[in-house]
Amino acid sequence: MTTRPGSPGAGSGTPVPAAGLPPPAERGATVIPDRVVARIAAQAARTAQARRAAVPPDRSAPMAPSASAAVRTGSVRLHLTMDLPYPTDIPRVCERIRRDVSERVAQLTGLRVREVTLTVRRLVPAADASRGRVR
C-alpha cells in the first residue's frame, strides 16, 4: 500500500523505520574533520574582524585571518591568528571576536567550543590623515 501526500497516514509525525537499518543511535556519528572546522572558524573570524575591528582599507590591508582546530569528542579548541587596527581597545575587540567566532562555529557545527585562543599577528595603523596631501 502506498500513500500520497495529504492522504491519511502520510506525515503522521511518527517516524517509519527504514527497512534493514539499525536504530539511529546505533548507526554511527557525524564526524567533522579538524580542517573543516578550521575553515569555518577562519570565515567567522573574517566576518568578526570586519564587524568588530573595522580594519582600514589601504595599502597595508590586513592579511586574512587563519585558524586551526582540534576536535575531540563533541568539542573543539580553536586558535585564530589575525591582524587588528591600531589604535583600538585590543582586549575588548579580541574578546568580542572570540565570542562571535565561538558562537558561529557552535551554530554551524553543533560542536561545543571549549577554547578560542586569538593571536594578533600585527597591528595595522589607521590611515594617516596627512598621507597623500601635497605640501
N, C-alpha and C. Protein backbone atom coordinates (compact mmCIF):
# COMPACT_ATOMS: atom_id res chain seq x y z
N MET A 1 0.85 -1.18 0.00
CA MET A 1 0.00 0.00 0.00
C MET A 1 0.89 1.23 0.00
N THR A 2 0.57 2.18 -0.85
CA THR A 2 1.31 3.43 -0.87
C THR A 2 0.39 4.55 -0.45
N THR A 3 0.99 5.61 0.11
CA THR A 3 0.19 6.76 0.50
C THR A 3 0.69 7.97 -0.26
N ARG A 4 -0.22 8.86 -0.57
CA ARG A 4 0.13 10.10 -1.23
C ARG A 4 0.19 11.20 -0.19
N PRO A 5 0.99 12.26 -0.48
CA PRO A 5 0.99 13.39 0.45
C PRO A 5 -0.42 13.92 0.63
N GLY A 6 -0.77 14.17 1.86
CA GLY A 6 -2.10 14.70 2.17
C GLY A 6 -3.12 13.62 2.45
N SER A 7 -2.78 12.36 2.20
CA SER A 7 -3.74 11.30 2.47
C SER A 7 -3.57 10.83 3.91
N PRO A 8 -4.57 10.21 4.47
CA PRO A 8 -4.46 9.74 5.85
C PRO A 8 -3.28 8.78 5.99
N GLY A 9 -2.51 9.00 7.03
CA GLY A 9 -1.36 8.14 7.30
C GLY A 9 -0.06 8.74 6.80
N ALA A 10 -0.14 9.71 5.89
CA ALA A 10 1.08 10.35 5.39
C ALA A 10 1.44 11.49 6.32
N GLY A 11 2.71 11.57 6.72
CA GLY A 11 3.17 12.66 7.58
C GLY A 11 2.53 12.66 8.93
N SER A 12 2.28 11.49 9.47
CA SER A 12 1.59 11.40 10.75
C SER A 12 2.47 11.82 11.93
N GLY A 13 3.76 12.09 11.67
CA GLY A 13 4.63 12.53 12.74
C GLY A 13 5.40 11.40 13.39
N THR A 14 4.99 10.16 13.17
CA THR A 14 5.73 9.04 13.73
C THR A 14 6.69 8.53 12.67
N PRO A 15 7.99 8.47 13.01
CA PRO A 15 8.96 8.02 12.02
C PRO A 15 8.76 6.56 11.66
N VAL A 16 8.89 6.28 10.39
CA VAL A 16 8.76 4.91 9.91
C VAL A 16 10.17 4.33 9.84
N PRO A 17 10.43 3.21 10.50
CA PRO A 17 11.77 2.64 10.46
C PRO A 17 12.14 2.25 9.03
N ALA A 18 13.35 2.60 8.65
CA ALA A 18 13.84 2.23 7.33
C ALA A 18 14.12 0.74 7.32
N ALA A 19 13.71 0.11 6.25
CA ALA A 19 13.87 -1.35 6.14
C ALA A 19 15.35 -1.72 6.16
N GLY A 20 15.71 -2.60 7.05
CA GLY A 20 17.07 -3.13 7.10
C GLY A 20 18.08 -2.25 7.81
N LEU A 21 17.69 -1.07 8.32
CA LEU A 21 18.64 -0.19 9.00
C LEU A 21 18.53 -0.36 10.51
N PRO A 22 19.65 -0.31 11.22
CA PRO A 22 19.59 -0.35 12.68
C PRO A 22 19.00 0.96 13.21
N PRO A 23 18.62 0.99 14.46
CA PRO A 23 18.08 2.22 15.07
C PRO A 23 19.10 3.36 14.93
N PRO A 24 18.62 4.62 14.87
CA PRO A 24 19.53 5.77 14.68
C PRO A 24 20.70 5.82 15.65
N ALA A 25 20.48 5.47 16.90
CA ALA A 25 21.55 5.53 17.90
C ALA A 25 22.67 4.55 17.60
N GLU A 26 22.39 3.52 16.84
CA GLU A 26 23.40 2.51 16.54
C GLU A 26 24.05 2.70 15.17
N ARG A 27 23.62 3.70 14.40
CA ARG A 27 24.13 3.89 13.05
C ARG A 27 25.49 4.55 12.98
N GLY A 28 25.89 5.27 14.00
CA GLY A 28 27.18 5.93 13.96
C GLY A 28 27.05 7.41 14.30
N ALA A 29 28.08 8.15 13.94
CA ALA A 29 28.12 9.57 14.28
C ALA A 29 28.61 10.36 13.08
N THR A 30 28.24 11.61 13.05
CA THR A 30 28.75 12.52 12.04
C THR A 30 30.06 13.07 12.55
N VAL A 31 31.10 12.95 11.74
CA VAL A 31 32.42 13.43 12.14
C VAL A 31 32.79 14.60 11.23
N ILE A 32 33.14 15.73 11.84
CA ILE A 32 33.56 16.90 11.10
C ILE A 32 35.07 17.02 11.27
N PRO A 33 35.84 16.90 10.19
CA PRO A 33 37.30 16.97 10.30
C PRO A 33 37.79 18.32 10.83
N ASP A 34 38.94 18.29 11.49
CA ASP A 34 39.54 19.49 12.05
C ASP A 34 39.67 20.60 11.00
N ARG A 35 40.13 20.23 9.80
CA ARG A 35 40.37 21.25 8.76
C ARG A 35 39.08 21.93 8.33
N VAL A 36 37.96 21.23 8.38
CA VAL A 36 36.67 21.82 8.02
C VAL A 36 36.24 22.81 9.10
N VAL A 37 36.39 22.43 10.34
CA VAL A 37 36.05 23.33 11.45
C VAL A 37 36.97 24.56 11.40
N ALA A 38 38.24 24.36 11.06
CA ALA A 38 39.18 25.48 10.96
C ALA A 38 38.76 26.45 9.86
N ARG A 39 38.30 25.93 8.74
CA ARG A 39 37.85 26.81 7.65
C ARG A 39 36.61 27.60 8.05
N ILE A 40 35.71 26.95 8.76
CA ILE A 40 34.52 27.64 9.27
C ILE A 40 34.93 28.74 10.23
N ALA A 41 35.88 28.43 11.12
CA ALA A 41 36.35 29.41 12.10
C ALA A 41 37.06 30.58 11.41
N ALA A 42 37.85 30.31 10.37
CA ALA A 42 38.54 31.38 9.65
C ALA A 42 37.54 32.32 8.99
N GLN A 43 36.50 31.76 8.40
CA GLN A 43 35.47 32.60 7.78
C GLN A 43 34.73 33.41 8.83
N ALA A 44 34.42 32.79 9.95
CA ALA A 44 33.75 33.51 11.04
C ALA A 44 34.65 34.62 11.58
N ALA A 45 35.96 34.37 11.62
CA ALA A 45 36.92 35.39 12.09
C ALA A 45 36.98 36.56 11.10
N ARG A 46 36.92 36.27 9.79
CA ARG A 46 36.90 37.34 8.78
C ARG A 46 35.68 38.24 8.99
N THR A 47 34.54 37.61 9.20
CA THR A 47 33.31 38.37 9.42
C THR A 47 33.41 39.19 10.69
N ALA A 48 33.90 38.58 11.76
CA ALA A 48 34.03 39.28 13.05
C ALA A 48 35.06 40.40 12.95
N GLN A 49 36.15 40.18 12.22
CA GLN A 49 37.19 41.20 12.05
C GLN A 49 36.59 42.43 11.36
N ALA A 50 35.82 42.21 10.32
CA ALA A 50 35.22 43.33 9.60
C ALA A 50 34.19 44.05 10.47
N ARG A 51 33.45 43.28 11.25
CA ARG A 51 32.38 43.86 12.07
C ARG A 51 32.90 44.53 13.34
N ARG A 52 33.83 43.88 14.00
CA ARG A 52 34.29 44.36 15.31
C ARG A 52 35.52 45.23 15.27
N ALA A 53 36.41 45.01 14.29
CA ALA A 53 37.69 45.69 14.30
C ALA A 53 37.76 46.83 13.29
N ALA A 54 36.94 46.80 12.25
CA ALA A 54 36.92 47.85 11.23
C ALA A 54 38.32 48.22 10.77
N VAL A 55 39.05 47.23 10.26
CA VAL A 55 40.41 47.46 9.78
C VAL A 55 40.33 48.37 8.55
N PRO A 56 41.13 49.45 8.53
CA PRO A 56 41.04 50.40 7.42
C PRO A 56 41.55 49.82 6.10
N PRO A 57 40.84 50.10 5.00
CA PRO A 57 41.31 49.62 3.70
C PRO A 57 42.37 50.55 3.14
N ASP A 58 43.58 50.10 3.00
CA ASP A 58 44.65 50.86 2.35
C ASP A 58 45.73 49.88 1.92
N ARG A 59 46.89 50.39 1.57
CA ARG A 59 47.96 49.52 1.08
C ARG A 59 48.42 48.51 2.11
N SER A 60 48.29 48.83 3.37
CA SER A 60 48.71 47.90 4.42
C SER A 60 47.51 47.11 4.94
N ALA A 61 46.62 46.75 4.00
CA ALA A 61 45.42 46.00 4.39
C ALA A 61 45.81 44.71 5.12
N PRO A 62 44.97 44.28 6.02
CA PRO A 62 45.30 43.10 6.81
C PRO A 62 45.28 41.82 5.98
N MET A 63 46.08 40.88 6.41
CA MET A 63 46.02 39.54 5.81
C MET A 63 44.77 38.87 6.36
N ALA A 64 44.26 37.91 5.61
CA ALA A 64 43.07 37.19 6.06
C ALA A 64 43.39 36.42 7.34
N PRO A 65 42.43 36.33 8.24
CA PRO A 65 42.65 35.55 9.46
C PRO A 65 42.88 34.08 9.11
N SER A 66 43.67 33.43 9.93
CA SER A 66 43.87 31.99 9.77
C SER A 66 43.40 31.31 11.04
N ALA A 67 43.11 30.02 10.92
CA ALA A 67 42.57 29.29 12.07
C ALA A 67 43.05 27.85 12.04
N SER A 68 43.17 27.27 13.21
CA SER A 68 43.39 25.83 13.34
C SER A 68 42.40 25.34 14.38
N ALA A 69 42.07 24.05 14.29
CA ALA A 69 41.07 23.48 15.19
C ALA A 69 41.50 22.10 15.63
N ALA A 70 41.15 21.76 16.84
CA ALA A 70 41.36 20.42 17.38
C ALA A 70 40.02 19.92 17.91
N VAL A 71 39.41 18.99 17.18
CA VAL A 71 38.10 18.45 17.54
C VAL A 71 38.30 17.18 18.34
N ARG A 72 37.66 17.11 19.51
CA ARG A 72 37.73 15.93 20.37
C ARG A 72 36.38 15.70 21.02
N THR A 73 35.81 14.56 20.82
CA THR A 73 34.57 14.09 21.45
C THR A 73 33.50 15.17 21.64
N GLY A 74 33.07 15.76 20.55
CA GLY A 74 31.98 16.72 20.59
C GLY A 74 32.34 18.13 20.97
N SER A 75 33.62 18.40 21.16
CA SER A 75 34.03 19.77 21.47
C SER A 75 35.24 20.14 20.62
N VAL A 76 35.53 21.42 20.59
CA VAL A 76 36.63 21.89 19.75
C VAL A 76 37.40 23.00 20.46
N ARG A 77 38.68 23.04 20.20
CA ARG A 77 39.55 24.14 20.64
C ARG A 77 40.05 24.82 19.38
N LEU A 78 39.93 26.15 19.35
CA LEU A 78 40.30 26.92 18.17
C LEU A 78 41.48 27.82 18.46
N HIS A 79 42.31 28.03 17.45
CA HIS A 79 43.38 29.01 17.53
C HIS A 79 43.27 29.90 16.30
N LEU A 80 43.10 31.21 16.53
CA LEU A 80 42.96 32.18 15.45
C LEU A 80 44.19 33.07 15.42
N THR A 81 44.59 33.48 14.23
CA THR A 81 45.67 34.44 14.05
C THR A 81 45.15 35.50 13.09
N MET A 82 45.23 36.78 13.51
CA MET A 82 44.68 37.84 12.68
C MET A 82 45.34 39.17 12.94
N ASP A 83 45.08 40.12 12.05
CA ASP A 83 45.55 41.49 12.19
C ASP A 83 44.43 42.32 12.81
N LEU A 84 44.82 43.36 13.57
CA LEU A 84 43.85 44.28 14.15
C LEU A 84 44.30 45.70 13.87
N PRO A 85 43.34 46.64 13.86
CA PRO A 85 43.72 48.04 13.64
C PRO A 85 44.35 48.62 14.90
N TYR A 86 45.14 49.68 14.68
CA TYR A 86 45.72 50.41 15.80
C TYR A 86 45.51 51.88 15.54
N PRO A 87 45.05 52.66 16.45
CA PRO A 87 44.72 52.32 17.83
C PRO A 87 43.33 51.70 17.95
N THR A 88 43.18 50.83 18.91
CA THR A 88 41.90 50.23 19.25
C THR A 88 41.98 49.65 20.66
N ASP A 89 40.88 49.35 21.23
CA ASP A 89 40.84 48.70 22.55
C ASP A 89 41.04 47.20 22.29
N ILE A 90 42.28 46.76 22.26
CA ILE A 90 42.63 45.40 21.84
C ILE A 90 41.96 44.33 22.70
N PRO A 91 42.00 44.41 24.03
CA PRO A 91 41.35 43.35 24.82
C PRO A 91 39.85 43.24 24.53
N ARG A 92 39.17 44.37 24.42
CA ARG A 92 37.73 44.34 24.16
C ARG A 92 37.41 43.77 22.78
N VAL A 93 38.15 44.21 21.76
CA VAL A 93 37.93 43.72 20.40
C VAL A 93 38.22 42.22 20.33
N CYS A 94 39.30 41.78 20.94
CA CYS A 94 39.65 40.35 20.93
C CYS A 94 38.57 39.51 21.60
N GLU A 95 38.05 39.98 22.72
CA GLU A 95 37.01 39.23 23.42
C GLU A 95 35.75 39.12 22.57
N ARG A 96 35.38 40.20 21.92
CA ARG A 96 34.19 40.17 21.06
C ARG A 96 34.38 39.25 19.86
N ILE A 97 35.57 39.28 19.27
CA ILE A 97 35.85 38.39 18.14
C ILE A 97 35.82 36.94 18.60
N ARG A 98 36.44 36.64 19.73
CA ARG A 98 36.41 35.27 20.27
C ARG A 98 34.98 34.79 20.48
N ARG A 99 34.16 35.66 21.06
CA ARG A 99 32.77 35.29 21.31
C ARG A 99 32.00 35.08 20.01
N ASP A 100 32.17 35.98 19.05
CA ASP A 100 31.48 35.85 17.76
C ASP A 100 31.87 34.55 17.05
N VAL A 101 33.17 34.26 17.01
CA VAL A 101 33.64 33.04 16.33
C VAL A 101 33.14 31.80 17.06
N SER A 102 33.21 31.81 18.36
CA SER A 102 32.74 30.67 19.15
C SER A 102 31.27 30.38 18.88
N GLU A 103 30.45 31.41 18.91
CA GLU A 103 29.01 31.23 18.67
C GLU A 103 28.73 30.72 17.27
N ARG A 104 29.44 31.28 16.27
CA ARG A 104 29.19 30.89 14.87
C ARG A 104 29.63 29.45 14.61
N VAL A 105 30.79 29.06 15.13
CA VAL A 105 31.27 27.69 14.94
C VAL A 105 30.32 26.70 15.63
N ALA A 106 29.89 27.02 16.83
CA ALA A 106 28.95 26.14 17.53
C ALA A 106 27.64 26.02 16.76
N GLN A 107 27.17 27.14 16.22
CA GLN A 107 25.91 27.15 15.48
C GLN A 107 26.01 26.30 14.22
N LEU A 108 27.11 26.40 13.49
CA LEU A 108 27.23 25.71 12.20
C LEU A 108 27.65 24.24 12.33
N THR A 109 28.36 23.89 13.39
CA THR A 109 28.87 22.53 13.50
C THR A 109 28.18 21.69 14.56
N GLY A 110 27.55 22.32 15.52
CA GLY A 110 26.94 21.58 16.63
C GLY A 110 27.95 21.17 17.68
N LEU A 111 29.20 21.61 17.51
CA LEU A 111 30.24 21.29 18.48
C LEU A 111 30.26 22.33 19.59
N ARG A 112 30.68 21.91 20.77
CA ARG A 112 30.85 22.84 21.88
C ARG A 112 32.26 23.42 21.78
N VAL A 113 32.37 24.74 21.73
CA VAL A 113 33.67 25.40 21.64
C VAL A 113 34.20 25.58 23.05
N ARG A 114 35.27 24.85 23.36
CA ARG A 114 35.83 24.89 24.71
C ARG A 114 36.76 26.06 24.91
N GLU A 115 37.50 26.43 23.85
CA GLU A 115 38.52 27.46 24.00
C GLU A 115 38.76 28.12 22.65
N VAL A 116 38.95 29.43 22.68
CA VAL A 116 39.35 30.17 21.48
C VAL A 116 40.56 31.02 21.87
N THR A 117 41.69 30.70 21.29
CA THR A 117 42.92 31.46 21.51
C THR A 117 43.11 32.36 20.30
N LEU A 118 43.33 33.64 20.55
CA LEU A 118 43.50 34.59 19.46
C LEU A 118 44.88 35.21 19.55
N THR A 119 45.64 35.09 18.48
CA THR A 119 46.97 35.71 18.39
C THR A 119 46.88 36.87 17.42
N VAL A 120 47.32 38.04 17.87
CA VAL A 120 47.35 39.21 17.00
C VAL A 120 48.67 39.16 16.24
N ARG A 121 48.58 38.94 14.93
CA ARG A 121 49.75 38.82 14.07
C ARG A 121 50.46 40.17 13.94
N ARG A 122 49.68 41.20 13.68
CA ARG A 122 50.24 42.55 13.60
C ARG A 122 49.14 43.57 13.80
N LEU A 123 49.54 44.78 14.15
CA LEU A 123 48.61 45.89 14.29
C LEU A 123 48.73 46.74 13.03
N VAL A 124 47.60 47.03 12.41
CA VAL A 124 47.57 47.82 11.19
C VAL A 124 47.25 49.25 11.58
N PRO A 125 48.22 50.17 11.36
CA PRO A 125 47.96 51.56 11.76
C PRO A 125 46.83 52.16 10.93
N ALA A 126 46.05 53.02 11.59
CA ALA A 126 44.97 53.73 10.89
C ALA A 126 45.62 54.64 9.86
N ALA A 127 44.93 54.86 8.74
CA ALA A 127 45.47 55.71 7.68
C ALA A 127 45.75 57.09 8.23
N ASP A 128 46.94 57.60 7.98
CA ASP A 128 47.34 58.94 8.42
C ASP A 128 46.57 59.96 7.60
N ALA A 129 45.92 60.89 8.24
CA ALA A 129 45.11 61.89 7.55
C ALA A 129 45.96 62.77 6.63
N SER A 130 47.23 62.93 6.95
CA SER A 130 48.08 63.80 6.13
C SER A 130 48.70 63.04 4.95
N ARG A 131 48.59 61.72 4.92
CA ARG A 131 49.16 60.94 3.84
C ARG A 131 48.49 61.28 2.52
N GLY A 132 49.29 61.49 1.51
CA GLY A 132 48.76 61.77 0.19
C GLY A 132 48.52 63.23 -0.08
N ARG A 133 48.70 64.07 0.92
CA ARG A 133 48.50 65.51 0.71
C ARG A 133 49.75 66.10 0.07
N VAL A 134 49.54 67.08 -0.78
CA VAL A 134 50.66 67.80 -1.40
C VAL A 134 50.92 69.01 -0.54
N ARG A 135 52.18 69.20 -0.13
CA ARG A 135 52.51 70.34 0.73
C ARG A 135 53.16 71.41 -0.08
